[in-house]
PDB file of N, CA and C in Angstrom:
ATOM      1  N   MET A   1     -10.911  80.063  59.012  1.00  0.00           N
ATOM      2  CA  MET A   1     -11.366  81.142  59.834  1.00  0.00           C
ATOM      3  C   MET A   1     -10.849  80.934  61.254  1.00  0.00           C
ATOM      4  N   LYS A   2     -10.467  82.030  61.907  1.00  0.00           N
ATOM      5  CA  LYS A   2      -9.933  81.933  63.260  1.00  0.00           C
ATOM      6  C   LYS A   2     -11.041  82.124  64.292  1.00  0.00           C
ATOM      7  N   PHE A   3     -10.914  81.369  65.394  1.00  0.00           N
ATOM      8  CA  PHE A   3     -11.854  81.442  66.503  1.00  0.00           C
ATOM      9  C   PHE A   3     -11.069  81.587  67.800  1.00  0.00           C
ATOM     10  N   MET A   4     -11.525  82.504  68.647  1.00  0.00           N
ATOM     11  CA  MET A   4     -10.933  82.686  69.970  1.00  0.00           C
ATOM     12  C   MET A   4     -11.740  81.855  70.945  1.00  0.00           C
ATOM     13  N   CYS A   5     -11.072  80.979  71.633  1.00  0.00           N
ATOM     14  CA  CYS A   5     -11.701  80.169  72.668  1.00  0.00           C
ATOM     15  C   CYS A   5     -11.266  80.752  74.008  1.00  0.00           C
ATOM     16  N   LEU A   6     -12.171  81.486  74.641  1.00  0.00           N
ATOM     17  CA  LEU A   6     -11.878  82.119  75.922  1.00  0.00           C
ATOM     18  C   LEU A   6     -12.164  81.133  77.042  1.00  0.00           C
ATOM     19  N   VAL A   7     -11.166  80.884  77.864  1.00  0.00           N
ATOM     20  CA  VAL A   7     -11.304  79.947  78.969  1.00  0.00           C
ATOM     21  C   VAL A   7     -11.779  80.725  80.193  1.00  0.00           C
ATOM     22  N   LEU A   8     -12.919  80.317  80.738  1.00  0.00           N
ATOM     23  CA  LEU A   8     -13.520  80.981  81.891  1.00  0.00           C
ATOM     24  C   LEU A   8     -13.529  80.027  83.076  1.00  0.00           C
ATOM     25  N   LEU A   9     -13.039  80.508  84.202  1.00  0.00           N
ATOM     26  CA  LEU A   9     -13.015  79.685  85.409  1.00  0.00           C
ATOM     27  C   LEU A   9     -13.689  80.427  86.552  1.00  0.00           C
ATOM     28  N   ASP A  10     -14.373  79.686  87.398  1.00  0.00           N
ATOM     29  CA  ASP A  10     -15.003  80.225  88.593  1.00  0.00           C
ATOM     30  C   ASP A  10     -13.914  80.454  89.644  1.00  0.00           C
ATOM     31  N   SER A  11     -13.897  81.621  90.247  1.00  0.00           N
ATOM     32  CA  SER A  11     -12.858  81.948  91.228  1.00  0.00           C
ATOM     33  C   SER A  11     -12.890  80.989  92.421  1.00  0.00           C
ATOM     34  N   ASP A  12     -14.066  80.457  92.785  1.00  0.00           N
ATOM     35  CA  ASP A  12     -14.145  79.496  93.884  1.00  0.00           C
ATOM     36  C   ASP A  12     -13.453  78.185  93.525  1.00  0.00           C
ATOM     37  N   VAL A  13     -13.579  77.756  92.276  1.00  0.00           N
ATOM     38  CA  VAL A  13     -12.903  76.531  91.836  1.00  0.00           C
ATOM     39  C   VAL A  13     -11.399  76.727  91.881  1.00  0.00           C
ATOM     40  N   ILE A  14     -10.945  77.856  91.411  1.00  0.00           N
ATOM     41  CA  ILE A  14      -9.510  78.160  91.407  1.00  0.00           C
ATOM     42  C   ILE A  14      -8.961  78.125  92.830  1.00  0.00           C
ATOM     43  N   ALA A  15      -9.692  78.714  93.766  1.00  0.00           N
ATOM     44  CA  ALA A  15      -9.228  78.816  95.154  1.00  0.00           C
ATOM     45  C   ALA A  15      -9.100  77.451  95.831  1.00  0.00           C
ATOM     46  N   THR A  16      -9.860  76.474  95.378  1.00  0.00           N
ATOM     47  CA  THR A  16      -9.846  75.170  96.042  1.00  0.00           C
ATOM     48  C   THR A  16      -8.883  74.167  95.401  1.00  0.00           C
ATOM     49  N   MET A  17      -8.242  74.536  94.303  1.00  0.00           N
ATOM     50  CA  MET A  17      -7.350  73.587  93.635  1.00  0.00           C
ATOM     51  C   MET A  17      -5.987  73.521  94.329  1.00  0.00           C
ATOM     52  N   SER A  18      -5.505  72.308  94.524  1.00  0.00           N
ATOM     53  CA  SER A  18      -4.183  72.104  95.128  1.00  0.00           C
ATOM     54  C   SER A  18      -3.099  72.313  94.070  1.00  0.00           C
ATOM     55  N   ASP A  19      -1.856  72.421  94.527  1.00  0.00           N
ATOM     56  CA  ASP A  19      -0.731  72.536  93.593  1.00  0.00           C
ATOM     57  C   ASP A  19      -0.664  71.317  92.678  1.00  0.00           C
ATOM     58  N   ALA A  20      -0.921  70.143  93.231  1.00  0.00           N
ATOM     59  CA  ALA A  20      -0.896  68.911  92.427  1.00  0.00           C
ATOM     60  C   ALA A  20      -1.988  68.947  91.357  1.00  0.00           C
ATOM     61  N   ASP A  21      -3.167  69.443  91.723  1.00  0.00           N
ATOM     62  CA  ASP A  21      -4.250  69.566  90.742  1.00  0.00           C
ATOM     63  C   ASP A  21      -3.860  70.512  89.622  1.00  0.00           C
ATOM     64  N   TRP A  22      -3.242  71.652  89.985  1.00  0.00           N
ATOM     65  CA  TRP A  22      -2.805  72.621  88.966  1.00  0.00           C
ATOM     66  C   TRP A  22      -1.766  72.018  88.035  1.00  0.00           C
ATOM     67  N   LYS A  23      -0.807  71.280  88.596  1.00  0.00           N
ATOM     68  CA  LYS A  23       0.237  70.667  87.764  1.00  0.00           C
ATOM     69  C   LYS A  23      -0.366  69.662  86.793  1.00  0.00           C
ATOM     70  N   GLU A  24      -1.323  68.863  87.273  1.00  0.00           N
ATOM     71  CA  GLU A  24      -1.987  67.896  86.402  1.00  0.00           C
ATOM     72  C   GLU A  24      -2.778  68.602  85.310  1.00  0.00           C
ATOM     73  N   LEU A  25      -3.466  69.675  85.677  1.00  0.00           N
ATOM     74  CA  LEU A  25      -4.227  70.445  84.704  1.00  0.00           C
ATOM     75  C   LEU A  25      -3.297  71.076  83.666  1.00  0.00           C
ATOM     76  N   ASP A  26      -2.165  71.605  84.113  1.00  0.00           N
ATOM     77  CA  ASP A  26      -1.172  72.171  83.185  1.00  0.00           C
ATOM     78  C   ASP A  26      -0.704  71.115  82.183  1.00  0.00           C
ATOM     79  N   ARG A  27      -0.405  69.911  82.680  1.00  0.00           N
ATOM     80  CA  ARG A  27       0.032  68.820  81.780  1.00  0.00           C
ATOM     81  C   ARG A  27      -1.061  68.497  80.764  1.00  0.00           C
ATOM     82  N   ALA A  28      -2.289  68.419  81.230  1.00  0.00           N
ATOM     83  CA  ALA A  28      -3.399  68.101  80.332  1.00  0.00           C
ATOM     84  C   ALA A  28      -3.579  69.195  79.283  1.00  0.00           C
ATOM     85  N   CYS A  29      -3.470  70.448  79.696  1.00  0.00           N
ATOM     86  CA  CYS A  29      -3.647  71.562  78.754  1.00  0.00           C
ATOM     87  C   CYS A  29      -2.529  71.599  77.719  1.00  0.00           C
ATOM     88  N   LEU A  30      -1.298  71.368  78.146  1.00  0.00           N
ATOM     89  CA  LEU A  30      -0.189  71.339  77.192  1.00  0.00           C
ATOM     90  C   LEU A  30      -0.357  70.183  76.211  1.00  0.00           C
ATOM     91  N   GLY A  31      -0.857  69.052  76.694  1.00  0.00           N
ATOM     92  CA  GLY A  31      -1.138  67.923  75.810  1.00  0.00           C
ATOM     93  C   GLY A  31      -2.232  68.257  74.811  1.00  0.00           C
ATOM     94  N   TYR A  32      -3.247  68.973  75.269  1.00  0.00           N
ATOM     95  CA  TYR A  32      -4.342  69.401  74.396  1.00  0.00           C
ATOM     96  C   TYR A  32      -3.813  70.340  73.312  1.00  0.00           C
ATOM     97  N   ASP A  33      -2.963  71.290  73.702  1.00  0.00           N
ATOM     98  CA  ASP A  33      -2.365  72.202  72.723  1.00  0.00           C
ATOM     99  C   ASP A  33      -1.570  71.424  71.674  1.00  0.00           C
ATOM    100  N   ALA A  34      -0.811  70.425  72.125  1.00  0.00           N
ATOM    101  CA  ALA A  34      -0.031  69.601  71.194  1.00  0.00           C
ATOM    102  C   ALA A  34      -0.946  68.835  70.250  1.00  0.00           C
ATOM    103  N   GLU A  35      -2.067  68.340  70.773  1.00  0.00           N
ATOM    104  CA  GLU A  35      -3.041  67.623  69.940  1.00  0.00           C
ATOM    105  C   GLU A  35      -3.620  68.547  68.868  1.00  0.00           C
ATOM    106  N   LEU A  36      -3.967  69.780  69.256  1.00  0.00           N
ATOM    107  CA  LEU A  36      -4.473  70.748  68.278  1.00  0.00           C
ATOM    108  C   LEU A  36      -3.413  71.056  67.221  1.00  0.00           C
ATOM    109  N   ALA A  37      -2.155  71.170  67.643  1.00  0.00           N
ATOM    110  CA  ALA A  37      -1.064  71.444  66.696  1.00  0.00           C
ATOM    111  C   ALA A  37      -0.918  70.297  65.700  1.00  0.00           C
ATOM    112  N   GLU A  38      -1.025  69.055  66.187  1.00  0.00           N
ATOM    113  CA  GLU A  38      -0.943  67.893  65.299  1.00  0.00           C
ATOM    114  C   GLU A  38      -2.058  67.903  64.262  1.00  0.00           C
ATOM    115  N   LYS A  39      -3.227  68.408  64.636  1.00  0.00           N
ATOM    116  CA  LYS A  39      -4.365  68.495  63.717  1.00  0.00           C
ATOM    117  C   LYS A  39      -4.243  69.685  62.766  1.00  0.00           C
ATOM    118  N   GLY A  40      -3.260  70.553  63.010  1.00  0.00           N
ATOM    119  CA  GLY A  40      -3.049  71.709  62.145  1.00  0.00           C
ATOM    120  C   GLY A  40      -4.014  72.859  62.390  1.00  0.00           C
ATOM    121  N   VAL A  41      -4.648  72.904  63.584  1.00  0.00           N
ATOM    122  CA  VAL A  41      -5.615  73.959  63.869  1.00  0.00           C
ATOM    123  C   VAL A  41      -5.142  74.928  64.960  1.00  0.00           C
ATOM    124  N   PHE A  42      -4.030  74.628  65.597  1.00  0.00           N
ATOM    125  CA  PHE A  42      -3.520  75.452  66.697  1.00  0.00           C
ATOM    126  C   PHE A  42      -2.831  76.696  66.151  1.00  0.00           C
ATOM    127  N   VAL A  43      -3.232  77.856  66.655  1.00  0.00           N
ATOM    128  CA  VAL A  43      -2.554  79.103  66.311  1.00  0.00           C
ATOM    129  C   VAL A  43      -1.706  79.550  67.493  1.00  0.00           C
ATOM    130  N   MET A  44      -2.322  79.712  68.650  1.00  0.00           N
ATOM    131  CA  MET A  44      -1.579  80.031  69.867  1.00  0.00           C
ATOM    132  C   MET A  44      -2.485  79.871  71.074  1.00  0.00           C
ATOM    133  N   ALA A  45      -1.875  79.774  72.251  1.00  0.00           N
ATOM    134  CA  ALA A  45      -2.620  79.692  73.501  1.00  0.00           C
ATOM    135  C   ALA A  45      -1.804  80.381  74.578  1.00  0.00           C
ATOM    136  N   GLN A  46      -2.496  80.915  75.564  1.00  0.00           N
ATOM    137  CA  GLN A  46      -1.784  81.573  76.656  1.00  0.00           C
ATOM    138  C   GLN A  46      -2.671  81.589  77.886  1.00  0.00           C
ATOM    139  N   ALA A  47      -2.100  81.224  79.012  1.00  0.00           N
ATOM    140  CA  ALA A  47      -2.803  81.371  80.293  1.00  0.00           C
ATOM    141  C   ALA A  47      -2.605  82.813  80.758  1.00  0.00           C
ATOM    142  N   LEU A  48      -3.545  83.290  81.548  1.00  0.00           N
ATOM    143  CA  LEU A  48      -3.466  84.650  82.074  1.00  0.00           C
ATOM    144  C   LEU A  48      -3.331  84.615  83.587  1.00  0.00           C
ATOM    145  N   LYS A  49      -2.602  85.581  84.115  1.00  0.00           N
ATOM    146  CA  LYS A  49      -2.541  85.730  85.568  1.00  0.00           C
ATOM    147  C   LYS A  49      -3.909  86.191  86.051  1.00  0.00           C
ATOM    148  N   GLY A  50      -4.122  86.129  87.343  1.00  0.00           N
ATOM    149  CA  GLY A  50      -5.419  86.452  87.924  1.00  0.00           C
ATOM    150  C   GLY A  50      -5.806  87.915  87.785  1.00  0.00           C
ATOM    151  N   PRO A  51      -7.095  88.191  87.935  1.00  0.00           N
ATOM    152  CA  PRO A  51      -7.589  89.549  87.780  1.00  0.00           C
ATOM    153  C   PRO A  51      -7.025  90.518  88.809  1.00  0.00           C
ATOM    154  N   GLU A  52      -6.519  89.992  89.912  1.00  0.00           N
ATOM    155  CA  GLU A  52      -5.928  90.877  90.916  1.00  0.00           C
ATOM    156  C   GLU A  52      -4.658  91.564  90.397  1.00  0.00           C
ATOM    157  N   GLU A  53      -4.098  91.054  89.308  1.00  0.00           N
ATOM    158  CA  GLU A  53      -2.910  91.670  88.714  1.00  0.00           C
ATOM    159  C   GLU A  53      -3.247  92.498  87.474  1.00  0.00           C
ATOM    160  N   ALA A  54      -4.538  92.610  87.169  1.00  0.00           N
ATOM    161  CA  ALA A  54      -4.971  93.329  85.963  1.00  0.00           C
ATOM    162  C   ALA A  54      -5.202  94.805  86.254  1.00  0.00           C
ATOM    163  N   ARG A  55      -5.205  95.570  85.203  1.00  0.00           N
ATOM    164  CA  ARG A  55      -5.615  96.974  85.252  1.00  0.00           C
ATOM    165  C   ARG A  55      -6.598  97.181  84.104  1.00  0.00           C
ATOM    166  N   THR A  56      -7.627  97.967  84.359  1.00  0.00           N
ATOM    167  CA  THR A  56      -8.613  98.280  83.336  1.00  0.00           C
ATOM    168  C   THR A  56      -8.470  99.747  82.968  1.00  0.00           C
ATOM    169  N   VAL A  57      -8.391 100.028  81.663  1.00  0.00           N
ATOM    170  CA  VAL A  57      -8.212 101.389  81.157  1.00  0.00           C
ATOM    171  C   VAL A  57      -9.454 101.796  80.389  1.00  0.00           C
ATOM    172  N   ARG A  58      -9.988 102.965  80.757  1.00  0.00           N
ATOM    173  CA  ARG A  58     -11.119 103.564  80.040  1.00  0.00           C
ATOM    174  C   ARG A  58     -10.747 104.996  79.716  1.00  0.00           C
ATOM    175  N   VAL A  59     -10.984 105.412  78.484  1.00  0.00           N
ATOM    176  CA  VAL A  59     -10.754 106.800  78.094  1.00  0.00           C
ATOM    177  C   VAL A  59     -12.097 107.394  77.713  1.00  0.00           C
ATOM    178  N   ARG A  60     -12.484 108.436  78.418  1.00  0.00           N
ATOM    179  CA  ARG A  60     -13.755 109.115  78.178  1.00  0.00           C
ATOM    180  C   ARG A  60     -13.492 110.606  78.099  1.00  0.00           C
ATOM    181  N   GLY A  61     -13.919 111.215  77.027  1.00  0.00           N
ATOM    182  CA  GLY A  61     -13.733 112.654  76.870  1.00  0.00           C
ATOM    183  C   GLY A  61     -12.278 113.070  76.948  1.00  0.00           C
ATOM    184  N   GLY A  62     -11.377 112.200  76.496  1.00  0.00           N
ATOM    185  CA  GLY A  62      -9.951 112.506  76.508  1.00  0.00           C
ATOM    186  C   GLY A  62      -9.262 112.220  77.830  1.00  0.00           C
ATOM    187  N   ASP A  63     -10.011 111.860  78.866  1.00  0.00           N
ATOM    188  CA  ASP A  63      -9.425 111.558  80.172  1.00  0.00           C
ATOM    189  C   ASP A  63      -9.342 110.051  80.368  1.00  0.00           C
ATOM    190  N   ALA A  64      -8.202 109.598  80.852  1.00  0.00           N
ATOM    191  CA  ALA A  64      -7.994 108.175  81.100  1.00  0.00           C
ATOM    192  C   ALA A  64      -8.281 107.854  82.560  1.00  0.00           C
ATOM    193  N   LEU A  65      -9.017 106.793  82.773  1.00  0.00           N
ATOM    194  CA  LEU A  65      -9.285 106.281  84.106  1.00  0.00           C
ATOM    195  C   LEU A  65      -8.712 104.869  84.154  1.00  0.00           C
ATOM    196  N   VAL A  66      -7.779 104.652  85.056  1.00  0.00           N
ATOM    197  CA  VAL A  66      -7.149 103.345  85.209  1.00  0.00           C
ATOM    198  C   VAL A  66      -7.534 102.815  86.585  1.00  0.00           C
ATOM    199  N   THR A  67      -8.119 101.621  86.598  1.00  0.00           N
ATOM    200  CA  THR A  67      -8.509 101.003  87.861  1.00  0.00           C
ATOM    201  C   THR A  67      -7.828  99.647  87.994  1.00  0.00           C
ATOM    202  N   ASP A  68      -7.613  99.246  89.227  1.00  0.00           N
ATOM    203  CA  ASP A  68      -7.023  97.930  89.482  1.00  0.00           C
ATOM    204  C   ASP A  68      -8.072  96.862  89.240  1.00  0.00           C
ATOM    205  N   GLY A  69      -7.664  95.816  88.548  1.00  0.00           N
ATOM    206  CA  GLY A  69      -8.536  94.680  88.297  1.00  0.00           C
ATOM    207  C   GLY A  69      -9.648  94.989  87.325  1.00  0.00           C
ATOM    208  N   PRO A  70     -10.360  93.955  86.910  1.00  0.00           N
ATOM    209  CA  PRO A  70     -11.512  94.151  86.024  1.00  0.00           C
ATOM    210  C   PRO A  70     -12.740  94.521  86.848  1.00  0.00           C
ATOM    211  N   PHE A  71     -13.695  95.142  86.236  1.00  0.00           N
ATOM    212  CA  PHE A  71     -14.975  95.387  86.900  1.00  0.00           C
ATOM    213  C   PHE A  71     -15.932  94.342  86.384  1.00  0.00           C
ATOM    214  N   MET A  72     -16.166  93.345  87.181  1.00  0.00           N
ATOM    215  CA  MET A  72     -17.039  92.257  86.769  1.00  0.00           C
ATOM    216  C   MET A  72     -17.883  91.846  87.962  1.00  0.00           C
ATOM    217  N   GLU A  73     -19.141  91.616  87.729  1.00  0.00           N
ATOM    218  CA  GLU A  73     -20.028  91.167  88.789  1.00  0.00           C
ATOM    219  C   GLU A  73     -20.322  89.687  88.613  1.00  0.00           C
ATOM    220  N   THR A  74     -19.283  88.926  88.442  1.00  0.00           N
ATOM    221  CA  THR A  74     -19.406  87.496  88.250  1.00  0.00           C
ATOM    222  C   THR A  74     -18.213  86.817  88.893  1.00  0.00           C
ATOM    223  N   LYS A  75     -18.377  85.564  89.260  1.00  0.00           N
ATOM    224  CA  LYS A  75     -17.259  84.817  89.812  1.00  0.00           C
ATOM    225  C   LYS A  75     -16.353  84.280  88.709  1.00  0.00           C
ATOM    226  N   GLU A  76     -16.904  84.180  87.489  1.00  0.00           N
ATOM    227  CA  GLU A  76     -16.090  83.672  86.385  1.00  0.00           C
ATOM    228  C   GLU A  76     -15.097  84.729  85.944  1.00  0.00           C
ATOM    229  N   GLN A  77     -13.907  84.274  85.662  1.00  0.00           N
ATOM    230  CA  GLN A  77     -12.884  85.167  85.161  1.00  0.00           C
ATOM    231  C   GLN A  77     -12.220  84.541  83.943  1.00  0.00           C
ATOM    232  N   VAL A  78     -11.710  85.401  83.066  1.00  0.00           N
ATOM    233  CA  VAL A  78     -10.982  84.917  81.899  1.00  0.00           C
ATOM    234  C   VAL A  78      -9.630  84.429  82.391  1.00  0.00           C
ATOM    235  N   ALA A  79      -9.375  83.143  82.208  1.00  0.00           N
ATOM    236  CA  ALA A  79      -8.148  82.533  82.708  1.00  0.00           C
ATOM    237  C   ALA A  79      -7.123  82.295  81.601  1.00  0.00           C
ATOM    238  N   GLY A  80      -7.555  82.413  80.351  1.00  0.00           N
ATOM    239  CA  GLY A  80      -6.651  82.190  79.237  1.00  0.00           C
ATOM    240  C   GLY A  80      -7.421  82.113  77.940  1.00  0.00           C
ATOM    241  N   PHE A  81      -6.696  81.794  76.892  1.00  0.00           N
ATOM    242  CA  PHE A  81      -7.344  81.688  75.591  1.00  0.00           C
ATOM    243  C   PHE A  81      -6.576  80.728  74.703  1.00  0.00           C
ATOM    244  N   ILE A  82      -7.287  80.214  73.716  1.00  0.00           N
ATOM    245  CA  ILE A  82      -6.680  79.416  72.648  1.00  0.00           C
ATOM    246  C   ILE A  82      -7.229  79.980  71.347  1.00  0.00           C
ATOM    247  N   LEU A  83      -6.346  80.283  70.435  1.00  0.00           N
ATOM    248  CA  LEU A  83      -6.751  80.745  69.114  1.00  0.00           C
ATOM    249  C   LEU A  83      -6.586  79.576  68.160  1.00  0.00           C
ATOM    250  N   VAL A  84      -7.698  79.201  67.494  1.00  0.00           N
ATOM    251  CA  VAL A  84      -7.658  78.060  66.580  1.00  0.00           C
ATOM    252  C   VAL A  84      -8.109  78.486  65.189  1.00  0.00           C
ATOM    253  N   GLU A  85      -7.682  77.721  64.221  1.00  0.00           N
ATOM    254  CA  GLU A  85      -8.110  77.881  62.832  1.00  0.00           C
ATOM    255  C   GLU A  85      -9.072  76.734  62.563  1.00  0.00           C
ATOM    256  N   ALA A  86     -10.344  77.054  62.308  1.00  0.00           N
ATOM    257  CA  ALA A  86     -11.361  76.014  62.125  1.00  0.00           C
ATOM    258  C   ALA A  86     -12.184  76.305  60.868  1.00  0.00           C
ATOM    259  N   ARG A  87     -12.847  75.264  60.363  1.00  0.00           N
ATOM    260  CA  ARG A  87     -13.673  75.408  59.160  1.00  0.00           C
ATOM    261  C   ARG A  87     -14.838  76.364  59.394  1.00  0.00           C
ATOM    262  N   ASP A  88     -15.468  76.218  60.568  1.00  0.00           N
ATOM    263  CA  ASP A  88     -16.633  77.032  60.923  1.00  0.00           C
ATOM    264  C   ASP A  88     -16.807  76.952  62.431  1.00  0.00           C
ATOM    265  N   ILE A  89     -17.832  77.624  62.953  1.00  0.00           N
ATOM    266  CA  ILE A  89     -17.999  77.650  64.411  1.00  0.00           C
ATOM    267  C   ILE A  89     -18.310  76.270  64.979  1.00  0.00           C
ATOM    268  N   ASP A  90     -19.020  75.434  64.230  1.00  0.00           N
ATOM    269  CA  ASP A  90     -19.304  74.084  64.717  1.00  0.00           C
ATOM    270  C   ASP A  90     -18.017  73.288  64.902  1.00  0.00           C
ATOM    271  N   HIS A  91     -17.096  73.440  63.963  1.00  0.00           N
ATOM    272  CA  HIS A  91     -15.803  72.771  64.072  1.00  0.00           C
ATOM    273  C   HIS A  91     -15.038  73.317  65.279  1.00  0.00           C
ATOM    274  N   ALA A  92     -15.064  74.629  65.477  1.00  0.00           N
ATOM    275  CA  ALA A  92     -14.377  75.243  66.615  1.00  0.00           C
ATOM    276  C   ALA A  92     -14.969  74.763  67.940  1.00  0.00           C
ATOM    277  N   VAL A  93     -16.290  74.623  67.995  1.00  0.00           N
ATOM    278  CA  VAL A  93     -16.951  74.116  69.204  1.00  0.00           C
ATOM    279  C   VAL A  93     -16.515  72.682  69.473  1.00  0.00           C
ATOM    280  N   GLU A  94     -16.436  71.864  68.436  1.00  0.00           N
ATOM    281  CA  GLU A  94     -15.965  70.487  68.611  1.00  0.00           C
ATOM    282  C   GLU A  94     -14.553  70.467  69.178  1.00  0.00           C
ATOM    283  N   LEU A  95     -13.694  71.359  68.678  1.00  0.00           N
ATOM    284  CA  LEU A  95     -12.330  71.443  69.199  1.00  0.00           C
ATOM    285  C   LEU A  95     -12.351  71.865  70.669  1.00  0.00           C
ATOM    286  N   ALA A  96     -13.182  72.831  71.010  1.00  0.00           N
ATOM    287  CA  ALA A  96     -13.250  73.338  72.385  1.00  0.00           C
ATOM    288  C   ALA A  96     -13.734  72.276  73.369  1.00  0.00           C
ATOM    289  N   LYS A  97     -14.525  71.343  72.902  1.00  0.00           N
ATOM    290  CA  LYS A  97     -15.017  70.279  73.782  1.00  0.00           C
ATOM    291  C   LYS A  97     -13.873  69.439  74.343  1.00  0.00           C
ATOM    292  N   GLY A  98     -12.746  69.405  73.645  1.00  0.00           N
ATOM    293  CA  GLY A  98     -11.604  68.632  74.113  1.00  0.00           C
ATOM    294  C   GLY A  98     -10.723  69.374  75.106  1.00  0.00           C
ATOM    295  N   ASP A  99     -10.984  70.645  75.341  1.00  0.00           N
ATOM    296  CA  ASP A  99     -10.162  71.443  76.250  1.00  0.00           C
ATOM    297  C   ASP A  99     -10.371  70.961  77.682  1.00  0.00           C
ATOM    298  N   PRO A 100      -9.300  70.556  78.371  1.00  0.00           N
ATOM    299  CA  PRO A 100      -9.441  70.103  79.757  1.00  0.00           C
ATOM    300  C   PRO A 100     -10.059  71.162  80.673  1.00  0.00           C
ATOM    301  N   MET A 101      -9.889  72.431  80.346  1.00  0.00           N
ATOM    302  CA  MET A 101     -10.438  73.499  81.173  1.00  0.00           C
ATOM    303  C   MET A 101     -11.965  73.509  81.126  1.00  0.00           C
ATOM    304  N   ALA A 102     -12.554  72.974  80.060  1.00  0.00           N
ATOM    305  CA  ALA A 102     -14.011  72.925  79.946  1.00  0.00           C
ATOM    306  C   ALA A 102     -14.610  71.999  81.002  1.00  0.00           C
ATOM    307  N   LYS A 103     -13.794  71.100  81.555  1.00  0.00           N
ATOM    308  CA  LYS A 103     -14.285  70.170  82.581  1.00  0.00           C
ATOM    309  C   LYS A 103     -14.450  70.841  83.936  1.00  0.00           C
ATOM    310  N   ILE A 104     -13.752  71.955  84.160  1.00  0.00           N
ATOM    311  CA  ILE A 104     -13.863  72.643  85.458  1.00  0.00           C
ATOM    312  C   ILE A 104     -14.389  74.066  85.309  1.00  0.00           C
ATOM    313  N   GLY A 105     -14.504  74.541  84.085  1.00  0.00           N
ATOM    314  CA  GLY A 105     -14.986  75.894  83.832  1.00  0.00           C
ATOM    315  C   GLY A 105     -15.829  75.913  82.584  1.00  0.00           C
ATOM    316  N   ALA A 106     -15.563  76.889  81.736  1.00  0.00           N
ATOM    317  CA  ALA A 106     -16.286  77.012  80.477  1.00  0.00           C
ATOM    318  C   ALA A 106     -15.330  77.522  79.415  1.00  0.00           C
ATOM    319  N   VAL A 107     -15.663  77.255  78.165  1.00  0.00           N
ATOM    320  CA  VAL A 107     -14.898  77.780  77.040  1.00  0.00           C
ATOM    321  C   VAL A 107     -15.876  78.484  76.118  1.00  0.00           C
ATOM    322  N   GLU A 108     -15.718  79.784  75.995  1.00  0.00           N
ATOM    323  CA  GLU A 108     -16.548  80.575  75.085  1.00  0.00           C
ATOM    324  C   GLU A 108     -15.858  80.613  73.731  1.00  0.00           C
ATOM    325  N   VAL A 109     -16.553  80.188  72.692  1.00  0.00           N
ATOM    326  CA  VAL A 109     -15.998  80.146  71.338  1.00  0.00           C
ATOM    327  C   VAL A 109     -16.572  81.323  70.559  1.00  0.00           C
ATOM    328  N   ARG A 110     -15.668  82.158  70.051  1.00  0.00           N
ATOM    329  CA  ARG A 110     -16.116  83.362  69.355  1.00  0.00           C
ATOM    330  C   ARG A 110     -15.294  83.563  68.088  1.00  0.00           C
ATOM    331  N   PRO A 111     -15.964  83.794  66.926  1.00  0.00           N
ATOM    332  CA  PRO A 111     -15.218  84.040  65.693  1.00  0.00           C
ATOM    333  C   PRO A 111     -14.484  85.387  65.800  1.00  0.00           C
ATOM    334  N   THR A 112     -13.303  85.424  65.210  1.00  0.00           N
ATOM    335  CA  THR A 112     -12.564  86.688  65.162  1.00  0.00           C
ATOM    336  C   THR A 112     -13.042  87.492  63.968  1.00  0.00           C
ATOM    337  N   MET A 113     -12.790  88.788  64.020  1.00  0.00           N
ATOM    338  CA  MET A 113     -13.150  89.665  62.908  1.00  0.00           C
ATOM    339  C   MET A 113     -11.900  89.990  62.108  1.00  0.00           C
ATOM    340  N   VAL A 114     -12.053  90.110  60.807  1.00  0.00           N
ATOM    341  CA  VAL A 114     -10.981  90.579  59.953  1.00  0.00           C
ATOM    342  C   VAL A 114     -11.251  92.053  59.693  1.00  0.00           C
ATOM    343  N   VAL A 115     -10.335  92.898  60.152  1.00  0.00           N
ATOM    344  CA  VAL A 115     -10.488  94.336  59.980  1.00  0.00           C
ATOM    345  C   VAL A 115      -9.466  94.796  58.955  1.00  0.00           C
ATOM    346  N   GLU A 116      -9.959  95.332  57.866  1.00  0.00           N
ATOM    347  CA  GLU A 116      -9.076  95.803  56.796  1.00  0.00           C
ATOM    348  C   GLU A 116      -8.620  97.224  57.105  1.00  0.00           C
ATOM    349  N   MET A 117      -7.347  97.472  56.913  1.00  0.00           N
ATOM    350  CA  MET A 117      -6.790  98.812  57.091  1.00  0.00           C
ATOM    351  C   MET A 117      -7.223  99.662  55.890  1.00  0.00           C
ATOM    352  N   PRO A 118      -7.687 100.883  56.158  1.00  0.00           N
ATOM    353  CA  PRO A 118      -8.082 101.752  55.028  1.00  0.00           C
ATOM    354  C   PRO A 118      -6.862 102.085  54.165  1.00  0.00           C
ATOM    355  N   ALA A 119      -7.117 102.231  52.886  1.00  0.00           N
ATOM    356  CA  ALA A 119      -6.009 102.527  51.950  1.00  0.00           C
ATOM    357  C   ALA A 119      -5.582 103.967  52.060  1.00  0.00           C
TER     358      ALA A 119
END
């Protein structure tokens, strides 16, 4: 079963990190991805650019509303994700505990849904 591990970081933490800290974190994250791949549970991972580069699209009554950035009343932002193949959610949580990003932010573990296309 696949699980999406959403990496959440506090914008204040991001703002205070030096370039050297980011480079070290990048190395640790790439090492973590390699470790997951060796275990045969890695599907894919991707970091995301900041919310200031995002656009949010809502369609209501046939009209599209596009706004800059996400509408969130929280300092935490989605900074990336890792998609893993795990036995169950407990296994996925154990895998997420090894994510270096969990040491400075949070990792939300959520099972994916299988949506069947109608015949």
